[in-house]
Amino acid sequence: MLIGADGEQLGVYMSEDALVKAEEAGYDLVEVAPNARPPVCRIMDYGKYKYEQKKKAAVAKAKGKGRAASLKEVKMRPNTDDHDLDFKLKNARRFLIDGDKVKITVMFRGREMAHRKVGFAKLDKVQELLGDLVTVENPPQMNGRFLSMVLVPNREAVDAARKEMEAAEARAKEEAEAEEASAIETRSEETETPETQPPAGDA
């Protein structure tokens, strides 16, 4: 059974005739179903076919394994205020939603080393604010002047957060498009030439 380059079934051919048909079309003759009766061959660009198959396999492999997680770091000080902490945690959330691990580090200077409890309290607050989004992989520990812990994403919570974020982005896009369409309509109405009124005269 011979299939043409455009997917059309050309009928049953002898092998030699099928090869001639493929050569006339400027393509290769490829057996795609050897166990069928009769075997099925297709006229195609074999090099392109192999490339596409390789590309599909790579995509499937990437989906199966997912992107390799990397370790991101978010640094802060014992006296980092709530506003700065919120900003830093936005980055941490983004890293976690991307599937990365996050190392939270509190950096001490000079006399701040005497108040290490403040640093531990800061990490407790970070964990509390991130909530179900994270699981602690390495608990807080001191390394010189640095107090660090490593957090990993909680898959279920991260998936839910990602869906919520994508939905919010879609809503924002729709609202922006609606506003733009409204603005264009308004500008169009404003630029329309008003009807010319006839001059006032005697009745």
Protein backbone atom coordinates (compact mmCIF):
# COMPACT_ATOMS: atom_id res chain seq x y z
CA MET A 1 0.00 0.00 0.00
CA LEU A 2 1.49 3.32 -1.08
CA ILE A 3 0.69 6.66 0.55
CA GLY A 4 1.63 9.88 -1.21
CA ALA A 5 3.55 12.80 0.20
CA ASP A 6 0.26 14.62 0.87
CA GLY A 7 -1.22 11.67 2.76
CA GLU A 8 -3.36 10.40 -0.11
CA GLN A 9 -3.64 6.63 -0.53
CA LEU A 10 -2.32 5.81 -4.00
CA GLY A 11 -3.17 2.11 -3.92
CA VAL A 12 -1.12 -1.10 -4.00
CA TYR A 13 2.15 -0.94 -5.95
CA MET A 14 5.02 -3.30 -6.60
CA SER A 15 8.14 -2.25 -4.66
CA GLU A 16 10.00 -1.23 -7.82
CA ASP A 17 7.08 0.88 -9.07
CA ALA A 18 6.71 2.53 -5.65
CA LEU A 19 10.41 3.48 -5.69
CA VAL A 20 10.02 5.02 -9.14
CA LYS A 21 6.98 6.97 -7.92
CA ALA A 22 8.96 8.33 -4.96
CA GLU A 23 11.93 9.30 -7.16
CA GLU A 24 9.63 11.11 -9.57
CA ALA A 25 8.22 13.12 -6.67
CA GLY A 26 11.76 13.91 -5.46
CA TYR A 27 11.29 12.14 -2.11
CA ASP A 28 12.18 8.90 -0.33
CA LEU A 29 10.13 5.73 0.02
CA VAL A 30 9.74 4.86 3.71
CA GLU A 31 8.12 1.73 5.11
CA VAL A 32 5.86 2.94 7.94
CA ALA A 33 3.89 -0.24 8.73
CA PRO A 34 5.93 -3.33 7.84
CA ASN A 35 3.61 -5.75 9.66
CA ALA A 36 0.50 -4.67 7.79
CA ARG A 37 -0.84 -6.79 4.92
CA PRO A 38 0.12 -5.44 2.47
CA PRO A 39 2.98 -3.46 4.08
CA VAL A 40 2.43 0.29 4.05
CA CYS A 41 5.01 2.64 2.54
CA ARG A 42 4.91 6.40 2.32
CA ILE A 43 6.56 8.89 0.00
CA MET A 44 8.25 11.49 2.19
CA ASP A 45 11.36 13.51 2.98
CA TYR A 46 13.04 10.97 5.26
CA GLY A 47 15.56 13.45 6.68
CA LYS A 48 12.79 15.84 7.69
CA TYR A 49 10.78 12.95 9.10
CA LYS A 50 13.67 11.81 11.31
CA TYR A 51 14.25 15.38 12.51
CA GLU A 52 10.58 15.79 13.47
CA GLN A 53 10.55 12.44 15.27
CA LYS A 54 13.66 13.41 17.21
CA LYS A 55 12.12 16.77 18.12
CA LYS A 56 8.90 15.10 19.33
CA ALA A 57 10.89 12.65 21.43
CA ALA A 58 12.86 15.51 23.02
CA VAL A 59 9.64 17.37 23.86
CA ALA A 60 8.09 14.25 25.37
CA LYS A 61 11.22 13.62 27.42
CA ALA A 62 11.25 17.20 28.67
CA LYS A 63 7.59 16.95 29.71
CA GLY A 64 8.23 13.69 31.48
CA LYS A 65 11.23 14.81 33.45
CA GLY A 66 10.42 18.50 33.75
CA ARG A 67 12.95 21.27 34.04
CA ALA A 68 15.84 20.51 36.37
CA ALA A 69 15.37 22.42 39.61
CA SER A 70 18.06 24.90 40.53
CA LEU A 71 18.87 26.53 43.86
CA LYS A 72 17.98 30.21 44.11
CA GLU A 73 18.98 32.40 47.04
CA VAL A 74 17.12 35.22 48.75
CA LYS A 75 19.22 37.28 51.17
CA MET A 76 18.08 39.55 53.97
CA ARG A 77 19.30 41.16 57.17
CA PRO A 78 18.04 40.64 60.73
CA ASN A 79 16.55 44.14 60.60
CA THR A 80 14.91 43.80 57.16
CA ASP A 81 11.54 45.59 57.48
CA ASP A 82 8.18 44.14 56.45
CA HIS A 83 8.03 46.09 53.17
CA ASP A 84 11.41 44.78 51.99
CA LEU A 85 10.55 41.31 53.26
CA ASP A 86 7.36 41.27 51.16
CA PHE A 87 9.38 42.24 48.08
CA LYS A 88 11.93 39.50 48.70
CA LEU A 89 9.21 36.91 49.29
CA LYS A 90 7.62 37.79 45.93
CA ASN A 91 10.88 36.67 44.34
CA ALA A 92 10.91 33.54 46.51
CA ARG A 93 7.35 32.67 45.46
CA ARG A 94 8.24 33.16 41.80
CA PHE A 95 11.24 30.83 42.14
CA LEU A 96 9.12 28.20 43.91
CA ILE A 97 6.33 28.37 41.30
CA ASP A 98 9.02 27.85 38.64
CA GLY A 99 9.93 24.63 40.46
CA ASP A 100 13.22 25.83 42.00
CA LYS A 101 14.52 25.36 45.51
CA VAL A 102 15.05 28.53 47.53
CA LYS A 103 17.79 29.20 50.04
CA ILE A 104 16.78 31.92 52.52
CA THR A 105 19.84 33.54 54.09
CA VAL A 106 20.03 36.03 56.94
CA MET A 107 23.34 37.92 56.92
CA PHE A 108 24.79 39.20 60.20
CA ARG A 109 27.31 42.02 60.66
CA GLY A 110 29.38 43.01 63.66
CA ARG A 111 27.34 43.18 66.85
CA GLU A 112 24.31 41.65 65.15
CA MET A 113 25.89 38.26 65.89
CA ALA A 114 24.83 38.74 69.51
CA HIS A 115 21.20 38.72 68.38
CA ARG A 116 21.04 35.51 66.37
CA LYS A 117 17.60 34.79 67.82
CA VAL A 118 16.30 37.65 65.69
CA GLY A 119 17.57 35.85 62.59
CA PHE A 120 15.89 32.58 63.57
CA ALA A 121 12.66 34.49 64.20
CA LYS A 122 13.00 36.08 60.74
CA LEU A 123 13.26 32.65 59.10
CA ASP A 124 10.26 31.41 61.10
CA LYS A 125 8.29 34.38 59.75
CA VAL A 126 9.41 33.63 56.19
CA GLN A 127 8.23 30.04 56.51
CA GLU A 128 4.93 31.20 58.00
CA LEU A 129 4.32 33.72 55.19
CA LEU A 130 5.11 31.20 52.44
CA GLY A 131 2.78 28.72 54.14
CA ASP A 132 1.72 25.59 52.26
CA LEU A 133 3.78 26.62 49.25
CA VAL A 134 6.96 25.22 50.82
CA THR A 135 8.49 22.31 52.65
CA VAL A 136 11.69 22.73 54.66
CA GLU A 137 14.47 20.63 53.16
CA ASN A 138 17.30 21.94 55.35
CA PRO A 139 16.30 23.59 58.67
CA PRO A 140 17.94 26.88 59.77
CA GLN A 141 21.62 26.55 60.63
CA MET A 142 24.51 28.94 61.17
CA ASN A 143 27.51 29.00 58.88
CA GLY A 144 29.88 31.72 60.04
CA ARG A 145 27.95 34.98 59.82
CA PHE A 146 25.20 33.46 57.70
CA LEU A 147 22.01 31.78 58.91
CA SER A 148 20.33 29.78 56.15
CA MET A 149 17.56 27.32 55.44
CA VAL A 150 16.58 25.62 52.19
CA LEU A 151 12.96 25.41 51.09
CA VAL A 152 11.52 23.22 48.35
CA PRO A 153 8.19 23.72 46.58
CA ASN A 154 5.15 21.76 47.72
CA ARG A 155 3.98 20.38 44.37
CA GLU A 156 0.22 20.49 44.98
CA ALA A 157 0.27 23.99 46.46
CA VAL A 158 2.61 25.23 43.72
CA ASP A 159 0.35 23.81 40.98
CA ALA A 160 -2.65 25.56 42.55
CA ALA A 161 -0.71 28.83 42.86
CA ARG A 162 0.47 28.57 39.25
CA LYS A 163 -3.10 28.05 37.99
CA GLU A 164 -4.31 30.99 40.06
CA MET A 165 -1.51 33.18 38.70
CA GLU A 166 -2.24 32.17 35.10
CA ALA A 167 -5.95 32.88 35.60
CA ALA A 168 -5.15 36.32 37.06
CA GLU A 169 -2.86 37.10 34.12
CA ALA A 170 -5.57 36.03 31.67
CA ARG A 171 -8.13 38.28 33.41
CA ALA A 172 -5.70 41.20 33.40
CA LYS A 173 -5.04 40.69 29.68
CA GLU A 174 -8.76 40.59 28.89
CA GLU A 175 -9.34 43.77 30.90
CA ALA A 176 -6.45 45.53 29.17
CA GLU A 177 -7.75 44.51 25.74
CA ALA A 178 -11.25 45.71 26.65
CA GLU A 179 -9.88 49.06 27.87
CA GLU A 180 -7.81 49.45 24.71
CA ALA A 181 -10.81 48.65 22.51
CA SER A 182 -12.91 51.18 24.44
CA ALA A 183 -10.20 53.84 24.10
CA ILE A 184 -9.94 53.24 20.34
CA GLU A 185 -13.72 53.52 20.00
CA THR A 186 -13.71 56.77 21.99
CA ARG A 187 -10.92 58.27 19.88
CA SER A 188 -12.78 57.23 16.73
CA GLU A 189 -15.93 58.99 17.90
CA GLU A 190 -13.99 62.12 18.83
CA THR A 191 -12.31 62.36 15.43
CA GLU A 192 -15.53 62.03 13.44
CA THR A 193 -16.34 65.26 11.58
CA PRO A 194 -19.47 66.85 13.07
CA GLU A 195 -22.34 67.51 10.70
CA THR A 196 -22.29 71.04 9.24
CA GLN A 197 -25.28 73.05 10.37
CA PRO A 198 -26.88 75.37 7.80
CA PRO A 199 -26.55 79.07 8.61
CA ALA A 200 -29.47 80.61 10.39
CA GLY A 201 -31.70 82.63 8.05
CA ASP A 202 -35.15 84.07 7.62
CA ALA A 203 -37.97 81.57 7.64
